[in-house]
Amino acid sequence: MILESRSIIFSDEELFVALRPVLDNRGMGPDIPVKTVTAALNDEGEVAATIEMTDGSDPVVVESADLGPAVLNHCIDQGIPLPRGSYKELAIRGDHVALIVRLETGSIQPDIDEDEE
């Protein structure tokens, strides 16, 4: 079996664009005063994104349950191919969120046919 693995790494700006629908669902308007977007593992070891505001208001934390679908949908919207049967997971690469896509292909063939033994 062959295992293909691909990492789709999101810049902070692109991550914010991907999170825009999540923020809209939380009732946040289009003019959010964003200072920084950071990604890190939370206390449970899952990927989370934190959006800090320039106006000093409380940061907005987006946990993996919302973050995963947001980056997945963003990839689909941008036309980035994601094989349907692939395993997908969030990870941190450097200081950024990454969507890891793994796909198993092929099969292991024995070198000797059973009839030849």
N, C-alpha and C. Protein backbone atom coordinates (compact mmCIF):
# COMPACT_ATOMS: atom_id res chain seq x y z
N MET A 1 0.84 -1.16 0.00
CA MET A 1 0.00 0.00 0.00
C MET A 1 0.89 1.23 0.00
N ILE A 2 0.48 2.24 -0.72
CA ILE A 2 1.20 3.51 -0.80
C ILE A 2 0.39 4.54 -0.02
N LEU A 3 1.07 5.33 0.78
CA LEU A 3 0.42 6.38 1.53
C LEU A 3 0.91 7.73 1.02
N GLU A 4 -0.02 8.52 0.53
CA GLU A 4 0.30 9.88 0.07
C GLU A 4 -0.14 10.85 1.16
N SER A 5 0.71 11.80 1.48
CA SER A 5 0.39 12.79 2.48
C SER A 5 0.68 14.18 1.92
N ARG A 6 -0.25 15.09 2.15
CA ARG A 6 -0.10 16.46 1.65
C ARG A 6 -0.49 17.41 2.77
N SER A 7 0.27 18.50 2.92
CA SER A 7 -0.04 19.53 3.92
C SER A 7 -0.46 20.80 3.21
N ILE A 8 -1.62 21.30 3.58
CA ILE A 8 -2.11 22.57 3.06
C ILE A 8 -1.98 23.56 4.21
N ILE A 9 -1.03 24.47 4.09
CA ILE A 9 -0.71 25.38 5.19
C ILE A 9 -1.36 26.74 4.93
N PHE A 10 -2.05 27.24 5.94
CA PHE A 10 -2.79 28.50 5.83
C PHE A 10 -1.99 29.64 6.45
N SER A 11 -1.80 30.72 5.69
CA SER A 11 -1.22 31.93 6.28
C SER A 11 -2.25 32.48 7.27
N ASP A 12 -1.83 33.38 8.13
CA ASP A 12 -2.76 33.97 9.09
C ASP A 12 -3.90 34.69 8.38
N GLU A 13 -3.57 35.39 7.30
CA GLU A 13 -4.60 36.11 6.54
C GLU A 13 -5.60 35.14 5.90
N GLU A 14 -5.09 34.07 5.32
CA GLU A 14 -5.96 33.10 4.67
C GLU A 14 -6.81 32.36 5.70
N LEU A 15 -6.24 32.10 6.87
CA LEU A 15 -7.00 31.46 7.95
C LEU A 15 -8.16 32.36 8.37
N PHE A 16 -7.91 33.66 8.46
CA PHE A 16 -8.99 34.58 8.82
C PHE A 16 -10.11 34.54 7.77
N VAL A 17 -9.73 34.50 6.49
CA VAL A 17 -10.74 34.40 5.42
C VAL A 17 -11.54 33.11 5.57
N ALA A 18 -10.85 32.02 5.89
CA ALA A 18 -11.54 30.73 6.07
C ALA A 18 -12.48 30.77 7.27
N LEU A 19 -12.12 31.53 8.29
CA LEU A 19 -12.94 31.61 9.50
C LEU A 19 -14.08 32.60 9.41
N ARG A 20 -14.11 33.39 8.35
CA ARG A 20 -15.14 34.42 8.20
C ARG A 20 -16.56 33.86 8.36
N PRO A 21 -16.93 32.73 7.73
CA PRO A 21 -18.28 32.19 7.94
C PRO A 21 -18.57 31.81 9.40
N VAL A 22 -17.57 31.31 10.11
CA VAL A 22 -17.75 30.97 11.53
C VAL A 22 -18.04 32.23 12.32
N LEU A 23 -17.30 33.29 12.04
CA LEU A 23 -17.50 34.56 12.74
C LEU A 23 -18.86 35.16 12.40
N ASP A 24 -19.26 35.03 11.14
CA ASP A 24 -20.60 35.51 10.74
C ASP A 24 -21.69 34.77 11.51
N ASN A 25 -21.53 33.45 11.67
CA ASN A 25 -22.51 32.66 12.42
C ASN A 25 -22.55 33.03 13.90
N ARG A 26 -21.49 33.61 14.38
CA ARG A 26 -21.44 34.06 15.78
C ARG A 26 -21.96 35.49 15.92
N GLY A 27 -22.43 36.06 14.81
CA GLY A 27 -23.02 37.40 14.84
C GLY A 27 -22.00 38.53 14.78
N MET A 28 -20.80 38.22 14.37
CA MET A 28 -19.77 39.25 14.26
C MET A 28 -19.83 39.85 12.86
N GLY A 29 -19.86 41.17 12.80
CA GLY A 29 -19.98 41.86 11.51
C GLY A 29 -18.72 41.78 10.67
N PRO A 30 -18.80 42.31 9.47
CA PRO A 30 -17.66 42.22 8.55
C PRO A 30 -16.48 43.12 8.92
N ASP A 31 -16.70 44.08 9.81
CA ASP A 31 -15.64 45.03 10.17
C ASP A 31 -14.99 44.68 11.51
N ILE A 32 -14.55 43.46 11.65
CA ILE A 32 -13.90 43.04 12.88
C ILE A 32 -12.51 43.68 12.94
N PRO A 33 -12.19 44.34 14.05
CA PRO A 33 -10.88 45.00 14.16
C PRO A 33 -9.78 43.99 14.52
N VAL A 34 -9.35 43.22 13.55
CA VAL A 34 -8.39 42.13 13.78
C VAL A 34 -6.98 42.67 13.95
N LYS A 35 -6.35 42.25 15.02
CA LYS A 35 -4.94 42.59 15.26
C LYS A 35 -4.07 41.42 14.81
N THR A 36 -4.33 40.23 15.35
CA THR A 36 -3.55 39.04 14.98
C THR A 36 -4.45 37.81 14.97
N VAL A 37 -4.02 36.83 14.20
CA VAL A 37 -4.64 35.51 14.20
C VAL A 37 -3.51 34.53 14.50
N THR A 38 -3.67 33.76 15.56
CA THR A 38 -2.64 32.80 15.93
C THR A 38 -3.26 31.42 16.05
N ALA A 39 -2.43 30.42 15.84
CA ALA A 39 -2.88 29.04 15.96
C ALA A 39 -1.96 28.30 16.93
N ALA A 40 -2.56 27.44 17.72
CA ALA A 40 -1.79 26.67 18.70
C ALA A 40 -2.62 25.46 19.13
N LEU A 41 -1.97 24.56 19.81
CA LEU A 41 -2.69 23.43 20.40
C LEU A 41 -3.31 23.88 21.72
N ASN A 42 -4.56 23.50 21.94
CA ASN A 42 -5.22 23.85 23.20
C ASN A 42 -4.85 22.83 24.29
N ASP A 43 -5.47 22.94 25.44
CA ASP A 43 -5.16 22.05 26.57
C ASP A 43 -5.45 20.58 26.27
N GLU A 44 -6.36 20.31 25.35
CA GLU A 44 -6.69 18.94 24.97
C GLU A 44 -5.81 18.42 23.83
N GLY A 45 -4.88 19.24 23.37
CA GLY A 45 -3.99 18.84 22.28
C GLY A 45 -4.59 18.99 20.90
N GLU A 46 -5.70 19.73 20.79
CA GLU A 46 -6.34 19.98 19.51
C GLU A 46 -5.98 21.37 18.99
N VAL A 47 -6.03 21.53 17.68
CA VAL A 47 -5.69 22.80 17.06
C VAL A 47 -6.81 23.81 17.30
N ALA A 48 -6.43 25.02 17.70
CA ALA A 48 -7.38 26.10 17.90
C ALA A 48 -6.77 27.39 17.34
N ALA A 49 -7.63 28.30 16.93
CA ALA A 49 -7.18 29.61 16.43
C ALA A 49 -7.71 30.69 17.36
N THR A 50 -6.87 31.69 17.61
CA THR A 50 -7.27 32.81 18.45
C THR A 50 -7.13 34.10 17.64
N ILE A 51 -8.20 34.87 17.64
CA ILE A 51 -8.22 36.15 16.93
C ILE A 51 -8.21 37.25 17.98
N GLU A 52 -7.14 38.05 17.97
CA GLU A 52 -7.03 39.17 18.90
C GLU A 52 -7.47 40.44 18.18
N MET A 53 -8.13 41.33 18.93
CA MET A 53 -8.69 42.55 18.36
C MET A 53 -7.83 43.77 18.69
N THR A 54 -7.85 44.73 17.78
CA THR A 54 -7.10 45.97 18.00
C THR A 54 -7.78 46.86 19.03
N ASP A 55 -9.09 46.67 19.25
CA ASP A 55 -9.81 47.53 20.18
C ASP A 55 -9.72 47.06 21.63
N GLY A 56 -8.96 45.98 21.88
CA GLY A 56 -8.78 45.49 23.24
C GLY A 56 -9.90 44.60 23.74
N SER A 57 -10.88 44.30 22.91
CA SER A 57 -11.96 43.41 23.34
C SER A 57 -11.43 41.99 23.49
N ASP A 58 -12.23 41.14 24.12
CA ASP A 58 -11.81 39.76 24.37
C ASP A 58 -11.47 39.05 23.07
N PRO A 59 -10.42 38.24 23.08
CA PRO A 59 -10.07 37.48 21.88
C PRO A 59 -11.16 36.46 21.56
N VAL A 60 -11.26 36.13 20.30
CA VAL A 60 -12.21 35.12 19.84
C VAL A 60 -11.41 33.84 19.60
N VAL A 61 -11.86 32.75 20.24
CA VAL A 61 -11.19 31.47 20.09
C VAL A 61 -12.09 30.57 19.25
N VAL A 62 -11.49 29.96 18.23
CA VAL A 62 -12.21 29.02 17.37
C VAL A 62 -11.56 27.66 17.57
N GLU A 63 -12.31 26.75 18.18
CA GLU A 63 -11.80 25.41 18.47
C GLU A 63 -11.87 24.53 17.23
N SER A 64 -11.23 23.38 17.30
CA SER A 64 -11.10 22.50 16.13
C SER A 64 -12.44 22.04 15.56
N ALA A 65 -13.48 21.95 16.39
CA ALA A 65 -14.79 21.52 15.90
C ALA A 65 -15.35 22.48 14.86
N ASP A 66 -15.02 23.76 14.98
CA ASP A 66 -15.43 24.77 13.99
C ASP A 66 -14.31 25.05 12.99
N LEU A 67 -13.08 24.95 13.46
CA LEU A 67 -11.92 25.25 12.62
C LEU A 67 -11.78 24.25 11.47
N GLY A 68 -11.94 22.96 11.77
CA GLY A 68 -11.79 21.93 10.74
C GLY A 68 -12.74 22.12 9.56
N PRO A 69 -14.05 22.19 9.82
CA PRO A 69 -14.97 22.41 8.71
C PRO A 69 -14.72 23.73 7.97
N ALA A 70 -14.27 24.76 8.70
CA ALA A 70 -14.02 26.06 8.06
C ALA A 70 -12.88 25.96 7.04
N VAL A 71 -11.77 25.33 7.42
CA VAL A 71 -10.65 25.23 6.47
C VAL A 71 -10.97 24.25 5.35
N LEU A 72 -11.72 23.20 5.66
CA LEU A 72 -12.13 22.25 4.63
C LEU A 72 -13.02 22.93 3.59
N ASN A 73 -14.02 23.67 4.04
CA ASN A 73 -14.91 24.38 3.13
C ASN A 73 -14.17 25.46 2.34
N HIS A 74 -13.20 26.10 2.97
CA HIS A 74 -12.41 27.12 2.28
C HIS A 74 -11.62 26.48 1.13
N CYS A 75 -11.03 25.32 1.39
CA CYS A 75 -10.30 24.61 0.33
C CYS A 75 -11.23 24.27 -0.83
N ILE A 76 -12.41 23.80 -0.52
CA ILE A 76 -13.39 23.46 -1.56
C ILE A 76 -13.76 24.72 -2.35
N ASP A 77 -14.03 25.82 -1.64
CA ASP A 77 -14.38 27.09 -2.29
C ASP A 77 -13.27 27.59 -3.20
N GLN A 78 -12.02 27.34 -2.81
CA GLN A 78 -10.86 27.80 -3.59
C GLN A 78 -10.46 26.82 -4.69
N GLY A 79 -11.16 25.70 -4.80
CA GLY A 79 -10.86 24.73 -5.85
C GLY A 79 -9.64 23.86 -5.56
N ILE A 80 -9.25 23.76 -4.31
CA ILE A 80 -8.12 22.91 -3.93
C ILE A 80 -8.63 21.47 -3.87
N PRO A 81 -8.05 20.57 -4.64
CA PRO A 81 -8.57 19.20 -4.67
C PRO A 81 -8.34 18.46 -3.36
N LEU A 82 -9.40 17.88 -2.85
CA LEU A 82 -9.36 17.08 -1.63
C LEU A 82 -10.03 15.74 -1.93
N PRO A 83 -9.27 14.68 -2.07
CA PRO A 83 -9.88 13.38 -2.39
C PRO A 83 -10.94 13.01 -1.35
N ARG A 84 -12.08 12.57 -1.84
CA ARG A 84 -13.22 12.27 -0.98
C ARG A 84 -12.89 11.21 0.07
N GLY A 85 -12.16 10.17 -0.30
CA GLY A 85 -11.88 9.08 0.63
C GLY A 85 -10.64 9.29 1.47
N SER A 86 -10.10 10.48 1.47
CA SER A 86 -8.85 10.71 2.21
C SER A 86 -9.13 11.00 3.68
N TYR A 87 -8.12 10.73 4.49
CA TYR A 87 -8.14 11.05 5.91
C TYR A 87 -7.65 12.49 6.05
N LYS A 88 -8.38 13.31 6.80
CA LYS A 88 -8.02 14.71 6.94
C LYS A 88 -7.89 15.05 8.42
N GLU A 89 -6.86 15.81 8.75
CA GLU A 89 -6.68 16.23 10.13
C GLU A 89 -6.02 17.60 10.18
N LEU A 90 -6.26 18.30 11.28
CA LEU A 90 -5.63 19.59 11.50
C LEU A 90 -4.33 19.39 12.26
N ALA A 91 -3.36 20.24 11.95
CA ALA A 91 -2.07 20.20 12.63
C ALA A 91 -1.51 21.61 12.66
N ILE A 92 -0.45 21.78 13.42
CA ILE A 92 0.29 23.04 13.45
C ILE A 92 1.60 22.81 12.73
N ARG A 93 1.89 23.64 11.76
CA ARG A 93 3.17 23.60 11.05
C ARG A 93 3.81 24.97 11.23
N GLY A 94 4.87 25.01 12.02
CA GLY A 94 5.46 26.30 12.38
C GLY A 94 4.47 27.04 13.25
N ASP A 95 4.05 28.21 12.81
CA ASP A 95 3.06 29.01 13.54
C ASP A 95 1.70 29.00 12.86
N HIS A 96 1.50 28.09 11.93
CA HIS A 96 0.29 28.13 11.10
C HIS A 96 -0.53 26.85 11.19
N VAL A 97 -1.81 27.00 10.87
CA VAL A 97 -2.70 25.84 10.77
C VAL A 97 -2.44 25.13 9.46
N ALA A 98 -2.41 23.81 9.53
CA ALA A 98 -2.25 23.00 8.32
C ALA A 98 -3.36 21.96 8.28
N LEU A 99 -3.88 21.73 7.10
CA LEU A 99 -4.82 20.64 6.88
C LEU A 99 -4.00 19.53 6.24
N ILE A 100 -3.88 18.41 6.94
CA ILE A 100 -3.11 17.27 6.45
C ILE A 100 -4.09 16.33 5.75
N VAL A 101 -3.77 15.99 4.51
CA VAL A 101 -4.62 15.09 3.72
C VAL A 101 -3.81 13.84 3.43
N ARG A 102 -4.34 12.68 3.84
CA ARG A 102 -3.65 11.40 3.61
C ARG A 102 -4.56 10.50 2.79
N LEU A 103 -3.95 9.85 1.82
CA LEU A 103 -4.70 8.97 0.93
C LEU A 103 -3.91 7.68 0.74
N GLU A 104 -4.56 6.55 0.98
CA GLU A 104 -3.94 5.25 0.76
C GLU A 104 -4.33 4.78 -0.64
N THR A 105 -3.33 4.36 -1.41
CA THR A 105 -3.60 3.86 -2.75
C THR A 105 -2.85 2.56 -2.97
N GLY A 106 -3.30 1.80 -3.95
CA GLY A 106 -2.63 0.57 -4.31
C GLY A 106 -2.84 -0.49 -3.25
N SER A 107 -2.24 -1.63 -3.49
CA SER A 107 -2.32 -2.73 -2.54
C SER A 107 -1.00 -3.48 -2.57
N ILE A 108 -0.76 -4.23 -1.54
CA ILE A 108 0.47 -5.01 -1.47
C ILE A 108 0.26 -6.31 -2.23
N GLN A 109 1.12 -6.57 -3.18
CA GLN A 109 1.06 -7.80 -3.97
C GLN A 109 2.21 -8.71 -3.53
N PRO A 110 1.95 -9.96 -3.25
CA PRO A 110 3.04 -10.85 -2.89
C PRO A 110 3.96 -11.08 -4.09
N ASP A 111 5.25 -11.28 -3.80
CA ASP A 111 6.23 -11.52 -4.86
C ASP A 111 6.07 -12.89 -5.49
N ILE A 112 5.51 -13.83 -4.75
CA ILE A 112 5.39 -15.21 -5.23
C ILE A 112 3.93 -15.60 -5.25
N ASP A 113 3.48 -16.15 -6.38
CA ASP A 113 2.12 -16.69 -6.43
C ASP A 113 2.05 -17.92 -5.55
N GLU A 114 0.91 -18.15 -4.95
CA GLU A 114 0.76 -19.32 -4.09
C GLU A 114 0.98 -20.63 -4.86
N ASP A 115 0.67 -20.65 -6.18
CA ASP A 115 0.82 -21.85 -6.99
C ASP A 115 2.29 -22.18 -7.24
N GLU A 116 3.18 -21.19 -7.10
CA GLU A 116 4.59 -21.40 -7.41
C GLU A 116 5.37 -21.95 -6.23
N GLU A 117 4.80 -21.97 -5.04
CA GLU A 117 5.53 -22.42 -3.86
C GLU A 117 5.80 -23.90 -3.87
